[in-house]
Amino acid sequence: MEALGIMGFIFGLAALGKVLKMEKELKDKGVLGRMTKKDN
């Protein structure tokens, strides 16, 4: 069962990395920048 937890943790980190990368790309394109309040 510990192996499943470790695998889940690794996949979770990978997913988080992809989301952060996609968020950065959208902000660079200007798609996400106008929708977030913290950038104003």
PDB file of N, CA and C in Angstrom:
ATOM      1  N   MET A   1       0.820  -1.208   0.000  1.00  0.00           N
ATOM      2  CA  MET A   1       0.000   0.000   0.000  1.00  0.00           C
ATOM      3  C   MET A   1       0.857   1.262   0.000  1.00  0.00           C
ATOM      4  N   GLU A   2       2.035   1.174   0.587  1.00  0.00           N
ATOM      5  CA  GLU A   2       2.918   2.349   0.571  1.00  0.00           C
ATOM      6  C   GLU A   2       3.368   2.677  -0.848  1.00  0.00           C
ATOM      7  N   ALA A   3       3.548   1.627  -1.656  1.00  0.00           N
ATOM      8  CA  ALA A   3       3.983   1.859  -3.031  1.00  0.00           C
ATOM      9  C   ALA A   3       2.921   2.652  -3.795  1.00  0.00           C
ATOM     10  N   LEU A   4       1.650   2.359  -3.549  1.00  0.00           N
ATOM     11  CA  LEU A   4       0.586   3.120  -4.218  1.00  0.00           C
ATOM     12  C   LEU A   4       0.584   4.570  -3.777  1.00  0.00           C
ATOM     13  N   GLY A   5       0.851   4.800  -2.504  1.00  0.00           N
ATOM     14  CA  GLY A   5       0.927   6.171  -2.014  1.00  0.00           C
ATOM     15  C   GLY A   5       2.070   6.946  -2.644  1.00  0.00           C
ATOM     16  N   ILE A   6       3.209   6.285  -2.780  1.00  0.00           N
ATOM     17  CA  ILE A   6       4.371   6.934  -3.393  1.00  0.00           C
ATOM     18  C   ILE A   6       4.101   7.221  -4.869  1.00  0.00           C
ATOM     19  N   MET A   7       3.484   6.258  -5.551  1.00  0.00           N
ATOM     20  CA  MET A   7       3.160   6.476  -6.969  1.00  0.00           C
ATOM     21  C   MET A   7       2.160   7.617  -7.122  1.00  0.00           C
ATOM     22  N   GLY A   8       1.169   7.670  -6.256  1.00  0.00           N
ATOM     23  CA  GLY A   8       0.200   8.761  -6.305  1.00  0.00           C
ATOM     24  C   GLY A   8       0.848  10.111  -6.071  1.00  0.00           C
ATOM     25  N   PHE A   9       1.794  10.140  -5.140  1.00  0.00           N
ATOM     26  CA  PHE A   9       2.512  11.379  -4.853  1.00  0.00           C
ATOM     27  C   PHE A   9       3.304  11.839  -6.074  1.00  0.00           C
ATOM     28  N   ILE A  10       3.977  10.906  -6.726  1.00  0.00           N
ATOM     29  CA  ILE A  10       4.783  11.243  -7.904  1.00  0.00           C
ATOM     30  C   ILE A  10       3.899  11.745  -9.042  1.00  0.00           C
ATOM     31  N   PHE A  11       2.781  11.033  -9.277  1.00  0.00           N
ATOM     32  CA  PHE A  11       1.871  11.483 -10.337  1.00  0.00           C
ATOM     33  C   PHE A  11       1.237  12.826  -9.991  1.00  0.00           C
ATOM     34  N   GLY A  12       0.970  13.056  -8.713  1.00  0.00           N
ATOM     35  CA  GLY A  12       0.427  14.341  -8.293  1.00  0.00           C
ATOM     36  C   GLY A  12       1.403  15.478  -8.545  1.00  0.00           C
ATOM     37  N   LEU A  13       2.682  15.246  -8.248  1.00  0.00           N
ATOM     38  CA  LEU A  13       3.691  16.268  -8.510  1.00  0.00           C
ATOM     39  C   LEU A  13       3.828  16.539 -10.009  1.00  0.00           C
ATOM     40  N   ALA A  14       3.759  15.487 -10.802  1.00  0.00           N
ATOM     41  CA  ALA A  14       3.847  15.661 -12.251  1.00  0.00           C
ATOM     42  C   ALA A  14       2.671  16.481 -12.766  1.00  0.00           C
ATOM     43  N   ALA A  15       1.473  16.185 -12.257  1.00  0.00           N
ATOM     44  CA  ALA A  15       0.286  16.932 -12.683  1.00  0.00           C
ATOM     45  C   ALA A  15       0.394  18.390 -12.254  1.00  0.00           C
ATOM     46  N   LEU A  16       0.882  18.637 -11.045  1.00  0.00           N
ATOM     47  CA  LEU A  16       1.050  20.006 -10.575  1.00  0.00           C
ATOM     48  C   LEU A  16       2.030  20.765 -11.460  1.00  0.00           C
ATOM     49  N   GLY A  17       3.104  20.105 -11.850  1.00  0.00           N
ATOM     50  CA  GLY A  17       4.077  20.740 -12.738  1.00  0.00           C
ATOM     51  C   GLY A  17       3.482  21.112 -14.076  1.00  0.00           C
ATOM     52  N   LYS A  18       2.644  20.223 -14.618  1.00  0.00           N
ATOM     53  CA  LYS A  18       2.011  20.521 -15.904  1.00  0.00           C
ATOM     54  C   LYS A  18       1.033  21.680 -15.784  1.00  0.00           C
ATOM     55  N   VAL A  19       0.297  21.726 -14.682  1.00  0.00           N
ATOM     56  CA  VAL A  19      -0.651  22.824 -14.490  1.00  0.00           C
ATOM     57  C   VAL A  19       0.081  24.148 -14.358  1.00  0.00           C
ATOM     58  N   LEU A  20       1.172  24.168 -13.599  1.00  0.00           N
ATOM     59  CA  LEU A  20       1.932  25.410 -13.440  1.00  0.00           C
ATOM     60  C   LEU A  20       2.535  25.860 -14.759  1.00  0.00           C
ATOM     61  N   LYS A  21       3.016  24.907 -15.553  1.00  0.00           N
ATOM     62  CA  LYS A  21       3.589  25.242 -16.862  1.00  0.00           C
ATOM     63  C   LYS A  21       2.514  25.812 -17.783  1.00  0.00           C
ATOM     64  N   MET A  22       1.327  25.181 -17.772  1.00  0.00           N
ATOM     65  CA  MET A  22       0.246  25.658 -18.625  1.00  0.00           C
ATOM     66  C   MET A  22      -0.219  27.044 -18.173  1.00  0.00           C
ATOM     67  N   GLU A  23      -0.272  27.276 -16.867  1.00  0.00           N
ATOM     68  CA  GLU A  23      -0.673  28.587 -16.356  1.00  0.00           C
ATOM     69  C   GLU A  23       0.305  29.665 -16.798  1.00  0.00           C
ATOM     70  N   LYS A  24       1.595  29.353 -16.759  1.00  0.00           N
ATOM     71  CA  LYS A  24       2.602  30.327 -17.191  1.00  0.00           C
ATOM     72  C   LYS A  24       2.456  30.633 -18.676  1.00  0.00           C
ATOM     73  N   GLU A  25       2.225  29.593 -19.484  1.00  0.00           N
ATOM     74  CA  GLU A  25       2.069  29.809 -20.924  1.00  0.00           C
ATOM     75  C   GLU A  25       0.835  30.653 -21.227  1.00  0.00           C
ATOM     76  N   LEU A  26      -0.249  30.415 -20.509  1.00  0.00           N
ATOM     77  CA  LEU A  26      -1.461  31.199 -20.741  1.00  0.00           C
ATOM     78  C   LEU A  26      -1.276  32.646 -20.308  1.00  0.00           C
ATOM     79  N   LYS A  27      -0.544  32.868 -19.220  1.00  0.00           N
ATOM     80  CA  LYS A  27      -0.279  34.238 -18.792  1.00  0.00           C
ATOM     81  C   LYS A  27       0.601  34.953 -19.799  1.00  0.00           C
ATOM     82  N   ASP A  28       1.580  34.234 -20.370  1.00  0.00           N
ATOM     83  CA  ASP A  28       2.459  34.846 -21.368  1.00  0.00           C
ATOM     84  C   ASP A  28       1.683  35.236 -22.623  1.00  0.00           C
ATOM     85  N   LYS A  29       0.678  34.433 -22.967  1.00  0.00           N
ATOM     86  CA  LYS A  29      -0.138  34.739 -24.147  1.00  0.00           C
ATOM     87  C   LYS A  29      -1.182  35.806 -23.864  1.00  0.00           C
ATOM     88  N   GLY A  30      -1.402  36.113 -22.585  1.00  0.00           N
ATOM     89  CA  GLY A  30      -2.378  37.136 -22.236  1.00  0.00           C
ATOM     90  C   GLY A  30      -3.781  36.601 -22.061  1.00  0.00           C
ATOM     91  N   VAL A  31      -3.959  35.285 -22.113  1.00  0.00           N
ATOM     92  CA  VAL A  31      -5.286  34.702 -21.987  1.00  0.00           C
ATOM     93  C   VAL A  31      -5.734  34.713 -20.539  1.00  0.00           C
ATOM     94  N   LEU A  32      -4.821  34.366 -19.646  1.00  0.00           N
ATOM     95  CA  LEU A  32      -5.180  34.211 -18.241  1.00  0.00           C
ATOM     96  C   LEU A  32      -4.983  35.502 -17.448  1.00  0.00           C
ATOM     97  N   GLY A  33      -4.149  36.382 -17.914  1.00  0.00           N
ATOM     98  CA  GLY A  33      -3.819  37.573 -17.161  1.00  0.00           C
ATOM     99  C   GLY A  33      -4.999  38.460 -16.846  1.00  0.00           C
ATOM    100  N   ARG A  34      -5.928  38.578 -17.761  1.00  0.00           N
ATOM    101  CA  ARG A  34      -7.048  39.484 -17.526  1.00  0.00           C
ATOM    102  C   ARG A  34      -8.138  38.866 -16.675  1.00  0.00           C
ATOM    103  N   MET A  35      -8.035  37.569 -16.385  1.00  0.00           N
ATOM    104  CA  MET A  35      -9.056  36.890 -15.583  1.00  0.00           C
ATOM    105  C   MET A  35      -8.675  36.791 -14.117  1.00  0.00           C
ATOM    106  N   THR A  36      -7.418  36.982 -13.767  1.00  0.00           N
ATOM    107  CA  THR A  36      -6.996  36.848 -12.375  1.00  0.00           C
ATOM    108  C   THR A  36      -6.983  38.200 -11.695  1.00  0.00           C
ATOM    109  N   LYS A  37      -7.354  38.227 -10.441  1.00  0.00           N
ATOM    110  CA  LYS A  37      -7.425  39.481  -9.700  1.00  0.00           C
ATOM    111  C   LYS A  37      -6.079  39.883  -9.121  1.00  0.00           C
ATOM    112  N   LYS A  38      -5.208  38.900  -8.808  1.00  0.00           N
ATOM    113  CA  LYS A  38      -3.954  39.228  -8.138  1.00  0.00           C
ATOM    114  C   LYS A  38      -2.964  39.945  -9.051  1.00  0.00           C
ATOM    115  N   ASP A  39      -3.158  39.893 -10.365  1.00  0.00           N
ATOM    116  CA  ASP A  39      -2.241  40.558 -11.289  1.00  0.00           C
ATOM    117  C   ASP A  39      -2.584  42.028 -11.497  1.00  0.00           C
ATOM    118  N   ASN A  40      -3.756  42.446 -11.087  1.00  0.00           N
ATOM    119  CA  ASN A  40      -4.197  43.829 -11.321  1.00  0.00           C
ATOM    120  C   ASN A  40      -3.558  44.792 -10.373  1.00  0.00           C
TER     121      ASN A  40
END
